[in-house]
Amino acid sequence: MASRGRVTAYLPEEIQKALEEWAAEESRSISSLATYVLTQAVKEHQAKKAKKPESDRP
């Protein structure tokens, strides 16, 4: 099994409530939902970075 990292995040109350509702709608834990959302965001970021020409990078 691959090792897994741990992250602690402090969220505004309205974001916490929205995540709780979203997780409940999908019958999953907030942790599982957060892992999914963050994984998708990282993949999107990496894809954008890969498409950007080298000369446009800082």
PDB file of N, CA and C in Angstrom:
ATOM      1  N   MET A   1       0.847  -1.179   0.000  1.00  0.00           N
ATOM      2  CA  MET A   1       0.000   0.000   0.000  1.00  0.00           C
ATOM      3  C   MET A   1       0.891   1.241   0.000  1.00  0.00           C
ATOM      4  N   ALA A   2       0.516   2.225  -0.799  1.00  0.00           N
ATOM      5  CA  ALA A   2       1.288   3.465  -0.872  1.00  0.00           C
ATOM      6  C   ALA A   2       1.144   4.245   0.426  1.00  0.00           C
ATOM      7  N   SER A   3       2.233   4.921   0.809  1.00  0.00           N
ATOM      8  CA  SER A   3       2.137   5.741   2.017  1.00  0.00           C
ATOM      9  C   SER A   3       1.274   6.959   1.730  1.00  0.00           C
ATOM     10  N   ARG A   4       0.665   7.485   2.765  1.00  0.00           N
ATOM     11  CA  ARG A   4      -0.241   8.617   2.602  1.00  0.00           C
ATOM     12  C   ARG A   4       0.199   9.744   3.519  1.00  0.00           C
ATOM     13  N   GLY A   5       0.112  10.949   3.024  1.00  0.00           N
ATOM     14  CA  GLY A   5       0.441  12.117   3.822  1.00  0.00           C
ATOM     15  C   GLY A   5      -0.769  12.572   4.611  1.00  0.00           C
ATOM     16  N   ARG A   6      -0.513  13.458   5.544  1.00  0.00           N
ATOM     17  CA  ARG A   6      -1.588  14.002   6.366  1.00  0.00           C
ATOM     18  C   ARG A   6      -1.489  15.518   6.306  1.00  0.00           C
ATOM     19  N   VAL A   7      -2.635  16.166   6.190  1.00  0.00           N
ATOM     20  CA  VAL A   7      -2.708  17.621   6.129  1.00  0.00           C
ATOM     21  C   VAL A   7      -3.785  18.085   7.100  1.00  0.00           C
ATOM     22  N   THR A   8      -3.491  19.127   7.835  1.00  0.00           N
ATOM     23  CA  THR A   8      -4.494  19.759   8.685  1.00  0.00           C
ATOM     24  C   THR A   8      -4.846  21.095   8.046  1.00  0.00           C
ATOM     25  N   ALA A   9      -6.131  21.340   7.875  1.00  0.00           N
ATOM     26  CA  ALA A   9      -6.576  22.590   7.266  1.00  0.00           C
ATOM     27  C   ALA A   9      -7.613  23.244   8.178  1.00  0.00           C
ATOM     28  N   TYR A  10      -7.521  24.540   8.298  1.00  0.00           N
ATOM     29  CA  TYR A  10      -8.502  25.314   9.057  1.00  0.00           C
ATOM     30  C   TYR A  10      -9.377  26.035   8.045  1.00  0.00           C
ATOM     31  N   LEU A  11     -10.660  25.704   8.053  1.00  0.00           N
ATOM     32  CA  LEU A  11     -11.584  26.209   7.042  1.00  0.00           C
ATOM     33  C   LEU A  11     -12.587  27.181   7.633  1.00  0.00           C
ATOM     34  N   PRO A  12     -13.010  28.141   6.814  1.00  0.00           N
ATOM     35  CA  PRO A  12     -14.117  28.982   7.265  1.00  0.00           C
ATOM     36  C   PRO A  12     -15.350  28.098   7.493  1.00  0.00           C
ATOM     37  N   GLU A  13     -16.176  28.482   8.432  1.00  0.00           N
ATOM     38  CA  GLU A  13     -17.336  27.677   8.808  1.00  0.00           C
ATOM     39  C   GLU A  13     -18.232  27.361   7.617  1.00  0.00           C
ATOM     40  N   GLU A  14     -18.446  28.331   6.735  1.00  0.00           N
ATOM     41  CA  GLU A  14     -19.337  28.090   5.593  1.00  0.00           C
ATOM     42  C   GLU A  14     -18.758  27.051   4.627  1.00  0.00           C
ATOM     43  N   ILE A  15     -17.441  26.999   4.490  1.00  0.00           N
ATOM     44  CA  ILE A  15     -16.799  25.988   3.641  1.00  0.00           C
ATOM     45  C   ILE A  15     -16.921  24.614   4.294  1.00  0.00           C
ATOM     46  N   GLN A  16     -16.718  24.560   5.593  1.00  0.00           N
ATOM     47  CA  GLN A  16     -16.855  23.296   6.338  1.00  0.00           C
ATOM     48  C   GLN A  16     -18.265  22.732   6.164  1.00  0.00           C
ATOM     49  N   LYS A  17     -19.268  23.584   6.329  1.00  0.00           N
ATOM     50  CA  LYS A  17     -20.655  23.137   6.188  1.00  0.00           C
ATOM     51  C   LYS A  17     -20.938  22.666   4.762  1.00  0.00           C
ATOM     52  N   ALA A  18     -20.423  23.403   3.777  1.00  0.00           N
ATOM     53  CA  ALA A  18     -20.625  23.009   2.377  1.00  0.00           C
ATOM     54  C   ALA A  18     -19.976  21.658   2.092  1.00  0.00           C
ATOM     55  N   LEU A  19     -18.790  21.427   2.634  1.00  0.00           N
ATOM     56  CA  LEU A  19     -18.118  20.138   2.456  1.00  0.00           C
ATOM     57  C   LEU A  19     -18.890  19.012   3.131  1.00  0.00           C
ATOM     58  N   GLU A  20     -19.419  19.270   4.319  1.00  0.00           N
ATOM     59  CA  GLU A  20     -20.216  18.264   5.024  1.00  0.00           C
ATOM     60  C   GLU A  20     -21.445  17.878   4.204  1.00  0.00           C
ATOM     61  N   GLU A  21     -22.118  18.872   3.633  1.00  0.00           N
ATOM     62  CA  GLU A  21     -23.306  18.604   2.815  1.00  0.00           C
ATOM     63  C   GLU A  21     -22.937  17.829   1.550  1.00  0.00           C
ATOM     64  N   TRP A  22     -21.862  18.255   0.886  1.00  0.00           N
ATOM     65  CA  TRP A  22     -21.405  17.609  -0.339  1.00  0.00           C
ATOM     66  C   TRP A  22     -21.032  16.154  -0.054  1.00  0.00           C
ATOM     67  N   ALA A  23     -20.281  15.937   1.004  1.00  0.00           N
ATOM     68  CA  ALA A  23     -19.868  14.579   1.369  1.00  0.00           C
ATOM     69  C   ALA A  23     -21.089  13.703   1.669  1.00  0.00           C
ATOM     70  N   ALA A  24     -22.059  14.244   2.377  1.00  0.00           N
ATOM     71  CA  ALA A  24     -23.269  13.484   2.698  1.00  0.00           C
ATOM     72  C   ALA A  24     -24.040  13.122   1.426  1.00  0.00           C
ATOM     73  N   GLU A  25     -24.116  14.055   0.478  1.00  0.00           N
ATOM     74  CA  GLU A  25     -24.800  13.791  -0.792  1.00  0.00           C
ATOM     75  C   GLU A  25     -24.151  12.625  -1.536  1.00  0.00           C
ATOM     76  N   GLU A  26     -22.850  12.480  -1.395  1.00  0.00           N
ATOM     77  CA  GLU A  26     -22.109  11.437  -2.106  1.00  0.00           C
ATOM     78  C   GLU A  26     -21.816  10.214  -1.226  1.00  0.00           C
ATOM     79  N   SER A  27     -22.394  10.196  -0.036  1.00  0.00           N
ATOM     80  CA  SER A  27     -22.197   9.080   0.909  1.00  0.00           C
ATOM     81  C   SER A  27     -20.722   8.758   1.111  1.00  0.00           C
ATOM     82  N   ARG A  28     -19.945   9.803   1.382  1.00  0.00           N
ATOM     83  CA  ARG A  28     -18.522   9.616   1.644  1.00  0.00           C
ATOM     84  C   ARG A  28     -18.112  10.506   2.800  1.00  0.00           C
ATOM     85  N   SER A  29     -16.947  10.263   3.330  1.00  0.00           N
ATOM     86  CA  SER A  29     -16.448  11.092   4.426  1.00  0.00           C
ATOM     87  C   SER A  29     -15.917  12.413   3.879  1.00  0.00           C
ATOM     88  N   ILE A  30     -15.807  13.387   4.759  1.00  0.00           N
ATOM     89  CA  ILE A  30     -15.220  14.671   4.363  1.00  0.00           C
ATOM     90  C   ILE A  30     -13.769  14.459   3.948  1.00  0.00           C
ATOM     91  N   SER A  31     -13.073  13.588   4.652  1.00  0.00           N
ATOM     92  CA  SER A  31     -11.674  13.296   4.305  1.00  0.00           C
ATOM     93  C   SER A  31     -11.566  12.726   2.892  1.00  0.00           C
ATOM     94  N   SER A  32     -12.435  11.789   2.565  1.00  0.00           N
ATOM     95  CA  SER A  32     -12.427  11.194   1.234  1.00  0.00           C
ATOM     96  C   SER A  32     -12.754  12.239   0.166  1.00  0.00           C
ATOM     97  N   LEU A  33     -13.732  13.075   0.443  1.00  0.00           N
ATOM     98  CA  LEU A  33     -14.098  14.136  -0.497  1.00  0.00           C
ATOM     99  C   LEU A  33     -12.946  15.116  -0.666  1.00  0.00           C
ATOM    100  N   ALA A  34     -12.318  15.514   0.426  1.00  0.00           N
ATOM    101  CA  ALA A  34     -11.198  16.450   0.359  1.00  0.00           C
ATOM    102  C   ALA A  34     -10.045  15.853  -0.456  1.00  0.00           C
ATOM    103  N   THR A  35      -9.771  14.577  -0.256  1.00  0.00           N
ATOM    104  CA  THR A  35      -8.721  13.909  -1.031  1.00  0.00           C
ATOM    105  C   THR A  35      -9.052  13.957  -2.516  1.00  0.00           C
ATOM    106  N   TYR A  36     -10.289  13.663  -2.856  1.00  0.00           N
ATOM    107  CA  TYR A  36     -10.721  13.695  -4.256  1.00  0.00           C
ATOM    108  C   TYR A  36     -10.581  15.100  -4.848  1.00  0.00           C
ATOM    109  N   VAL A  37     -11.108  16.097  -4.150  1.00  0.00           N
ATOM    110  CA  VAL A  37     -11.084  17.476  -4.649  1.00  0.00           C
ATOM    111  C   VAL A  37      -9.643  17.974  -4.813  1.00  0.00           C
ATOM    112  N   LEU A  38      -8.809  17.707  -3.823  1.00  0.00           N
ATOM    113  CA  LEU A  38      -7.414  18.143  -3.908  1.00  0.00           C
ATOM    114  C   LEU A  38      -6.656  17.409  -5.015  1.00  0.00           C
ATOM    115  N   THR A  39      -6.928  16.129  -5.182  1.00  0.00           N
ATOM    116  CA  THR A  39      -6.288  15.366  -6.260  1.00  0.00           C
ATOM    117  C   THR A  39      -6.655  15.935  -7.618  1.00  0.00           C
ATOM    118  N   GLN A  40      -7.935  16.246  -7.810  1.00  0.00           N
ATOM    119  CA  GLN A  40      -8.374  16.836  -9.075  1.00  0.00           C
ATOM    120  C   GLN A  40      -7.717  18.195  -9.308  1.00  0.00           C
ATOM    121  N   ALA A  41      -7.614  19.004  -8.267  1.00  0.00           N
ATOM    122  CA  ALA A  41      -6.996  20.327  -8.396  1.00  0.00           C
ATOM    123  C   ALA A  41      -5.521  20.214  -8.764  1.00  0.00           C
ATOM    124  N   VAL A  42      -4.815  19.271  -8.161  1.00  0.00           N
ATOM    125  CA  VAL A  42      -3.392  19.080  -8.473  1.00  0.00           C
ATOM    126  C   VAL A  42      -3.226  18.604  -9.915  1.00  0.00           C
ATOM    127  N   LYS A  43      -4.052  17.661 -10.349  1.00  0.00           N
ATOM    128  CA  LYS A  43      -3.982  17.179 -11.731  1.00  0.00           C
ATOM    129  C   LYS A  43      -4.227  18.321 -12.721  1.00  0.00           C
ATOM    130  N   GLU A  44      -5.223  19.161 -12.424  1.00  0.00           N
ATOM    131  CA  GLU A  44      -5.536  20.302 -13.287  1.00  0.00           C
ATOM    132  C   GLU A  44      -4.366  21.279 -13.322  1.00  0.00           C
ATOM    133  N   HIS A  45      -3.790  21.552 -12.169  1.00  0.00           N
ATOM    134  CA  HIS A  45      -2.645  22.464 -12.094  1.00  0.00           C
ATOM    135  C   HIS A  45      -1.465  21.916 -12.904  1.00  0.00           C
ATOM    136  N   GLN A  46      -1.187  20.628 -12.752  1.00  0.00           N
ATOM    137  CA  GLN A  46      -0.074  20.014 -13.472  1.00  0.00           C
ATOM    138  C   GLN A  46      -0.313  20.029 -14.978  1.00  0.00           C
ATOM    139  N   ALA A  47      -1.550  19.809 -15.399  1.00  0.00           N
ATOM    140  CA  ALA A  47      -1.875  19.832 -16.824  1.00  0.00           C
ATOM    141  C   ALA A  47      -1.685  21.230 -17.402  1.00  0.00           C
ATOM    142  N   LYS A  48      -2.121  22.248 -16.663  1.00  0.00           N
ATOM    143  CA  LYS A  48      -1.933  23.630 -17.115  1.00  0.00           C
ATOM    144  C   LYS A  48      -0.454  23.966 -17.202  1.00  0.00           C
ATOM    145  N   LYS A  49       0.301  23.528 -16.196  1.00  0.00           N
ATOM    146  CA  LYS A  49       1.731  23.800 -16.155  1.00  0.00           C
ATOM    147  C   LYS A  49       2.446  23.112 -17.322  1.00  0.00           C
ATOM    148  N   ALA A  50       2.024  21.917 -17.662  1.00  0.00           N
ATOM    149  CA  ALA A  50       2.650  21.161 -18.751  1.00  0.00           C
ATOM    150  C   ALA A  50       2.371  21.813 -20.107  1.00  0.00           C
ATOM    151  N   LYS A  51       1.217  22.458 -20.257  1.00  0.00           N
ATOM    152  CA  LYS A  51       0.853  23.113 -21.511  1.00  0.00           C
ATOM    153  C   LYS A  51       1.525  24.457 -21.695  1.00  0.00           C
ATOM    154  N   LYS A  52       1.941  25.089 -20.594  1.00  0.00           N
ATOM    155  CA  LYS A  52       2.522  26.428 -20.640  1.00  0.00           C
ATOM    156  C   LYS A  52       3.926  26.349 -21.250  1.00  0.00           C
ATOM    157  N   PRO A  53       4.221  27.185 -22.261  1.00  0.00           N
ATOM    158  CA  PRO A  53       5.575  27.191 -22.824  1.00  0.00           C
ATOM    159  C   PRO A  53       6.619  27.559 -21.776  1.00  0.00           C
ATOM    160  N   GLU A  54       7.802  27.016 -21.907  1.00  0.00           N
ATOM    161  CA  GLU A  54       8.891  27.242 -20.945  1.00  0.00           C
ATOM    162  C   GLU A  54       9.181  28.746 -20.797  1.00  0.00           C
ATOM    163  N   SER A  55       9.080  29.508 -21.883  1.00  0.00           N
ATOM    164  CA  SER A  55       9.395  30.949 -21.822  1.00  0.00           C
ATOM    165  C   SER A  55       8.396  31.745 -20.998  1.00  0.00           C
ATOM    166  N   ASP A  56       7.187  31.202 -20.779  1.00  0.00           N
ATOM    167  CA  ASP A  56       6.151  31.895 -20.006  1.00  0.00           C
ATOM    168  C   ASP A  56       6.267  31.616 -18.505  1.00  0.00           C
ATOM    169  N   ARG A  57       7.127  30.698 -18.127  1.00  0.00           N
ATOM    170  CA  ARG A  57       7.265  30.356 -16.716  1.00  0.00           C
ATOM    171  C   ARG A  57       8.176  31.336 -16.022  1.00  0.00           C
ATOM    172  N   PRO A  58       7.839  31.660 -14.753  1.00  0.00           N
ATOM    173  CA  PRO A  58       8.682  32.604 -13.997  1.00  0.00           C
ATOM    174  C   PRO A  58      10.038  32.025 -13.659  1.00  0.00           C
TER     175      PRO A  58
END
